[in-house]
Amino acid sequence: MKTVTLFHSQICPRCQVSKRLLAGLEPDFPEVRVERVEYLTNLGRARDAGVRSIPTLVYGERKLSGIVLTKKSMRRFLEAL
């Protein structure tokens, strides 16, 4: 099983949208486990992962971040794992 980490914040409206879209994709990727990490309470971990903005998806050295993570961009990220 592959684990993808979503760095987000409860106070980030864009993150809430990304979380909802990602949850909708999860059934299509049963081999992927999504770990949700609160950015503001895990700043050291986010820094170590190279996260500079939220929302950000991380798998190893691969990252997907942006103002808005679209369903299409997240699907492509997951398909490429």
C-alpha atoms as a PDB file:
ATOM      1  CA  MET A   1       0.000   0.000   0.000  1.00  0.00           C
ATOM      2  CA  LYS A   2       1.245   3.452  -0.919  1.00  0.00           C
ATOM      3  CA  THR A   3       0.755   6.361   1.475  1.00  0.00           C
ATOM      4  CA  VAL A   4       0.151   9.863   0.163  1.00  0.00           C
ATOM      5  CA  THR A   5       0.261  12.738   2.632  1.00  0.00           C
ATOM      6  CA  LEU A   6      -2.080  15.701   2.338  1.00  0.00           C
ATOM      7  CA  PHE A   7      -0.798  18.745   4.213  1.00  0.00           C
ATOM      8  CA  HIS A   8      -3.760  21.004   4.963  1.00  0.00           C
ATOM      9  CA  SER A   9      -5.190  23.304   7.588  1.00  0.00           C
ATOM     10  CA  GLN A  10      -8.624  23.450   9.156  1.00  0.00           C
ATOM     11  CA  ILE A  11      -8.661  27.233   8.630  1.00  0.00           C
ATOM     12  CA  CYS A  12      -7.799  27.025   4.910  1.00  0.00           C
ATOM     13  CA  PRO A  13     -10.917  27.103   2.683  1.00  0.00           C
ATOM     14  CA  ARG A  14      -8.935  25.807  -0.320  1.00  0.00           C
ATOM     15  CA  CYS A  15      -7.776  22.864   1.778  1.00  0.00           C
ATOM     16  CA  GLN A  16     -11.349  21.964   2.672  1.00  0.00           C
ATOM     17  CA  VAL A  17     -12.258  21.810  -1.022  1.00  0.00           C
ATOM     18  CA  SER A  18      -9.161  19.707  -1.775  1.00  0.00           C
ATOM     19  CA  LYS A  19      -9.938  17.316   1.089  1.00  0.00           C
ATOM     20  CA  ARG A  20     -13.473  16.805  -0.194  1.00  0.00           C
ATOM     21  CA  LEU A  21     -12.325  16.210  -3.779  1.00  0.00           C
ATOM     22  CA  LEU A  22      -9.605  13.824  -2.659  1.00  0.00           C
ATOM     23  CA  ALA A  23     -12.091  11.866  -0.523  1.00  0.00           C
ATOM     24  CA  GLY A  24     -14.182  11.412  -3.667  1.00  0.00           C
ATOM     25  CA  LEU A  25     -11.174   9.949  -5.490  1.00  0.00           C
ATOM     26  CA  GLU A  26     -10.103   7.535  -2.741  1.00  0.00           C
ATOM     27  CA  PRO A  27     -12.492   4.696  -3.758  1.00  0.00           C
ATOM     28  CA  ASP A  28     -10.866   4.678  -7.223  1.00  0.00           C
ATOM     29  CA  PHE A  29      -7.428   4.059  -5.659  1.00  0.00           C
ATOM     30  CA  PRO A  30      -7.784   1.266  -3.077  1.00  0.00           C
ATOM     31  CA  GLU A  31      -4.015   0.725  -3.101  1.00  0.00           C
ATOM     32  CA  VAL A  32      -3.424   4.278  -1.836  1.00  0.00           C
ATOM     33  CA  ARG A  33      -3.805   5.366   1.767  1.00  0.00           C
ATOM     34  CA  VAL A  34      -4.234   9.106   2.376  1.00  0.00           C
ATOM     35  CA  GLU A  35      -2.697  10.531   5.524  1.00  0.00           C
ATOM     36  CA  ARG A  36      -4.067  13.953   6.408  1.00  0.00           C
ATOM     37  CA  VAL A  37      -1.624  16.176   8.315  1.00  0.00           C
ATOM     38  CA  GLU A  38      -2.579  19.500   9.898  1.00  0.00           C
ATOM     39  CA  TYR A  39       0.056  21.927   8.638  1.00  0.00           C
ATOM     40  CA  LEU A  40      -0.080  24.430  11.503  1.00  0.00           C
ATOM     41  CA  THR A  41       0.593  21.828  14.193  1.00  0.00           C
ATOM     42  CA  ASN A  42       3.215  19.942  12.158  1.00  0.00           C
ATOM     43  CA  LEU A  43       5.412  22.717  10.759  1.00  0.00           C
ATOM     44  CA  GLY A  44       8.637  20.748  11.242  1.00  0.00           C
ATOM     45  CA  ARG A  45       7.287  17.758   9.384  1.00  0.00           C
ATOM     46  CA  ALA A  46       5.989  20.001   6.609  1.00  0.00           C
ATOM     47  CA  ARG A  47       9.384  21.716   6.334  1.00  0.00           C
ATOM     48  CA  ASP A  48      11.165  18.344   6.211  1.00  0.00           C
ATOM     49  CA  ALA A  49       8.822  17.260   3.401  1.00  0.00           C
ATOM     50  CA  GLY A  50       9.554  20.452   1.452  1.00  0.00           C
ATOM     51  CA  VAL A  51       6.016  21.805   1.788  1.00  0.00           C
ATOM     52  CA  ARG A  52       5.888  25.567   1.221  1.00  0.00           C
ATOM     53  CA  SER A  53       2.165  26.095   0.758  1.00  0.00           C
ATOM     54  CA  ILE A  54      -1.081  24.319   1.426  1.00  0.00           C
ATOM     55  CA  PRO A  55      -2.829  22.293   0.260  1.00  0.00           C
ATOM     56  CA  THR A  56      -0.004  19.982  -0.815  1.00  0.00           C
ATOM     57  CA  LEU A  57      -0.008  16.280  -1.649  1.00  0.00           C
ATOM     58  CA  VAL A  58       3.291  14.482  -1.043  1.00  0.00           C
ATOM     59  CA  TYR A  59       4.499  11.044  -2.079  1.00  0.00           C
ATOM     60  CA  GLY A  60       8.221  10.557  -1.572  1.00  0.00           C
ATOM     61  CA  GLU A  61       9.906  13.366  -3.473  1.00  0.00           C
ATOM     62  CA  ARG A  62       6.824  14.093  -5.595  1.00  0.00           C
ATOM     63  CA  LYS A  63       4.614  17.031  -4.646  1.00  0.00           C
ATOM     64  CA  LEU A  64       1.416  18.547  -5.952  1.00  0.00           C
ATOM     65  CA  SER A  65       0.516  21.963  -4.609  1.00  0.00           C
ATOM     66  CA  GLY A  66      -1.256  25.057  -5.744  1.00  0.00           C
ATOM     67  CA  ILE A  67      -3.879  27.619  -4.901  1.00  0.00           C
ATOM     68  CA  VAL A  68      -6.516  25.045  -5.833  1.00  0.00           C
ATOM     69  CA  LEU A  69      -5.879  21.330  -6.306  1.00  0.00           C
ATOM     70  CA  THR A  70      -8.357  20.189  -8.918  1.00  0.00           C
ATOM     71  CA  LYS A  71      -9.873  16.740  -9.035  1.00  0.00           C
ATOM     72  CA  LYS A  72      -8.179  16.217 -12.400  1.00  0.00           C
ATOM     73  CA  SER A  73      -4.713  17.184 -11.112  1.00  0.00           C
ATOM     74  CA  MET A  74      -5.077  14.992  -8.030  1.00  0.00           C
ATOM     75  CA  ARG A  75      -6.269  12.049 -10.157  1.00  0.00           C
ATOM     76  CA  ARG A  76      -3.195  12.427 -12.401  1.00  0.00           C
ATOM     77  CA  PHE A  77      -0.942  12.579  -9.331  1.00  0.00           C
ATOM     78  CA  LEU A  78      -2.443   9.375  -7.915  1.00  0.00           C
ATOM     79  CA  GLU A  79      -2.388   7.548 -11.255  1.00  0.00           C
ATOM     80  CA  ALA A  80       1.331   8.268 -11.623  1.00  0.00           C
ATOM     81  CA  LEU A  81       2.251   6.596  -8.299  1.00  0.00           C
END
